[in-house]
Amino acid sequence: MFQEVVDTSGGCGASFVVEIVSEQFEGKRLLERHRMVNAALEEEMKEIHALSIKKAVTPEQWKQQQESNLSNSAA
């Protein structure tokens, strides 16, 4: 699993943007993936004001996005 967490609250820890890549997302729709993330962070969510899930993708989807980004930046 790969994850990127960015504190967007200016350092107070109340607002975050996350990107998560996980094999556990295979075969799941986007809403199901977001629910999985929220369930995994249930305790932390009691202290967080806002959580934005920027990406919740499978490793294959992540790979395809990276390859697409490389192709677009080379053009």
C-alpha atoms as a PDB file:
ATOM      1  CA  MET A   1       0.000   0.000   0.000  1.00  0.00           C
ATOM      2  CA  PHE A   2       1.196   3.498  -0.848  1.00  0.00           C
ATOM      3  CA  GLN A   3      -0.226   6.584   0.734  1.00  0.00           C
ATOM      4  CA  GLU A   4       0.418  10.273   0.698  1.00  0.00           C
ATOM      5  CA  VAL A   5      -0.975  12.482   3.445  1.00  0.00           C
ATOM      6  CA  VAL A   6      -0.859  16.270   3.215  1.00  0.00           C
ATOM      7  CA  ASP A   7      -1.835  18.469   6.162  1.00  0.00           C
ATOM      8  CA  THR A   8      -3.806  21.324   4.586  1.00  0.00           C
ATOM      9  CA  SER A   9      -4.713  22.963   7.887  1.00  0.00           C
ATOM     10  CA  GLY A  10      -1.533  24.972   8.252  1.00  0.00           C
ATOM     11  CA  GLY A  11      -0.089  22.578  10.801  1.00  0.00           C
ATOM     12  CA  CYS A  12      -2.879  22.216  13.351  1.00  0.00           C
ATOM     13  CA  GLY A  13      -3.823  18.738  12.072  1.00  0.00           C
ATOM     14  CA  ALA A  14      -7.492  19.461  11.429  1.00  0.00           C
ATOM     15  CA  SER A  15      -7.617  19.037   7.634  1.00  0.00           C
ATOM     16  CA  PHE A  16      -5.916  16.531   5.364  1.00  0.00           C
ATOM     17  CA  VAL A  17      -5.768  15.485   1.718  1.00  0.00           C
ATOM     18  CA  VAL A  18      -4.852  11.843   1.082  1.00  0.00           C
ATOM     19  CA  GLU A  19      -3.890   9.675  -1.868  1.00  0.00           C
ATOM     20  CA  ILE A  20      -4.037   5.934  -1.280  1.00  0.00           C
ATOM     21  CA  VAL A  21      -2.986   3.060  -3.515  1.00  0.00           C
ATOM     22  CA  SER A  22      -4.058  -0.366  -2.282  1.00  0.00           C
ATOM     23  CA  GLU A  23      -4.699  -3.836  -3.657  1.00  0.00           C
ATOM     24  CA  GLN A  24      -7.719  -3.942  -1.334  1.00  0.00           C
ATOM     25  CA  PHE A  25      -9.470  -1.538  -3.718  1.00  0.00           C
ATOM     26  CA  GLU A  26      -9.559  -4.171  -6.505  1.00  0.00           C
ATOM     27  CA  GLY A  27     -13.124  -4.715  -7.711  1.00  0.00           C
ATOM     28  CA  LYS A  28     -14.501  -1.917  -5.522  1.00  0.00           C
ATOM     29  CA  ARG A  29     -16.343   1.164  -6.760  1.00  0.00           C
ATOM     30  CA  LEU A  30     -15.078   4.602  -5.762  1.00  0.00           C
ATOM     31  CA  LEU A  31     -17.735   5.045  -3.061  1.00  0.00           C
ATOM     32  CA  GLU A  32     -16.806   1.686  -1.524  1.00  0.00           C
ATOM     33  CA  ARG A  33     -13.134   2.690  -1.536  1.00  0.00           C
ATOM     34  CA  HIS A  34     -13.901   5.963   0.245  1.00  0.00           C
ATOM     35  CA  ARG A  35     -15.971   4.088   2.829  1.00  0.00           C
ATOM     36  CA  MET A  36     -13.046   1.728   3.422  1.00  0.00           C
ATOM     37  CA  VAL A  37     -10.702   4.663   4.029  1.00  0.00           C
ATOM     38  CA  ASN A  38     -13.169   6.367   6.370  1.00  0.00           C
ATOM     39  CA  ALA A  39     -13.710   3.115   8.288  1.00  0.00           C
ATOM     40  CA  ALA A  40      -9.957   2.596   8.660  1.00  0.00           C
ATOM     41  CA  LEU A  41      -9.624   6.135  10.036  1.00  0.00           C
ATOM     42  CA  GLU A  42     -12.690   5.990  12.282  1.00  0.00           C
ATOM     43  CA  GLU A  43     -10.842   6.933  15.480  1.00  0.00           C
ATOM     44  CA  GLU A  44      -8.712   9.596  13.789  1.00  0.00           C
ATOM     45  CA  MET A  45     -11.815  11.153  12.223  1.00  0.00           C
ATOM     46  CA  LYS A  46     -12.995  12.130  15.709  1.00  0.00           C
ATOM     47  CA  GLU A  47     -10.091  14.624  15.806  1.00  0.00           C
ATOM     48  CA  ILE A  48     -10.048  15.685  12.141  1.00  0.00           C
ATOM     49  CA  HIS A  49     -12.223  18.493  10.820  1.00  0.00           C
ATOM     50  CA  ALA A  50     -11.886  17.623   7.106  1.00  0.00           C
ATOM     51  CA  LEU A  51     -10.550  14.738   5.044  1.00  0.00           C
ATOM     52  CA  SER A  52     -10.339  14.916   1.271  1.00  0.00           C
ATOM     53  CA  ILE A  53      -9.616  11.646  -0.512  1.00  0.00           C
ATOM     54  CA  LYS A  54      -7.861  12.879  -3.642  1.00  0.00           C
ATOM     55  CA  LYS A  55      -7.195   9.386  -4.987  1.00  0.00           C
ATOM     56  CA  ALA A  56      -8.157   5.881  -3.902  1.00  0.00           C
ATOM     57  CA  VAL A  57      -6.799   3.619  -6.619  1.00  0.00           C
ATOM     58  CA  THR A  58      -5.429   0.138  -7.213  1.00  0.00           C
ATOM     59  CA  PRO A  59      -1.725  -0.382  -7.950  1.00  0.00           C
ATOM     60  CA  GLU A  60      -2.549  -1.010 -11.620  1.00  0.00           C
ATOM     61  CA  GLN A  61      -4.544   2.216 -11.859  1.00  0.00           C
ATOM     62  CA  TRP A  62      -1.680   4.090 -10.172  1.00  0.00           C
ATOM     63  CA  LYS A  63       0.795   2.643 -12.665  1.00  0.00           C
ATOM     64  CA  GLN A  64      -1.411   3.642 -15.597  1.00  0.00           C
ATOM     65  CA  GLN A  65      -1.792   7.181 -14.225  1.00  0.00           C
ATOM     66  CA  GLN A  66       1.967   7.532 -13.780  1.00  0.00           C
ATOM     67  CA  GLU A  67       2.633   6.295 -17.314  1.00  0.00           C
ATOM     68  CA  SER A  68      -0.005   8.689 -18.658  1.00  0.00           C
ATOM     69  CA  ASN A  69       1.551  11.605 -16.749  1.00  0.00           C
ATOM     70  CA  LEU A  70       4.982  10.739 -18.156  1.00  0.00           C
ATOM     71  CA  SER A  71       3.591  10.569 -21.690  1.00  0.00           C
ATOM     72  CA  ASN A  72       1.813  13.902 -21.313  1.00  0.00           C
ATOM     73  CA  SER A  73       4.880  15.660 -19.871  1.00  0.00           C
ATOM     74  CA  ALA A  74       7.072  14.301 -22.706  1.00  0.00           C
ATOM     75  CA  ALA A  75       4.721  15.670 -25.361  1.00  0.00           C
END
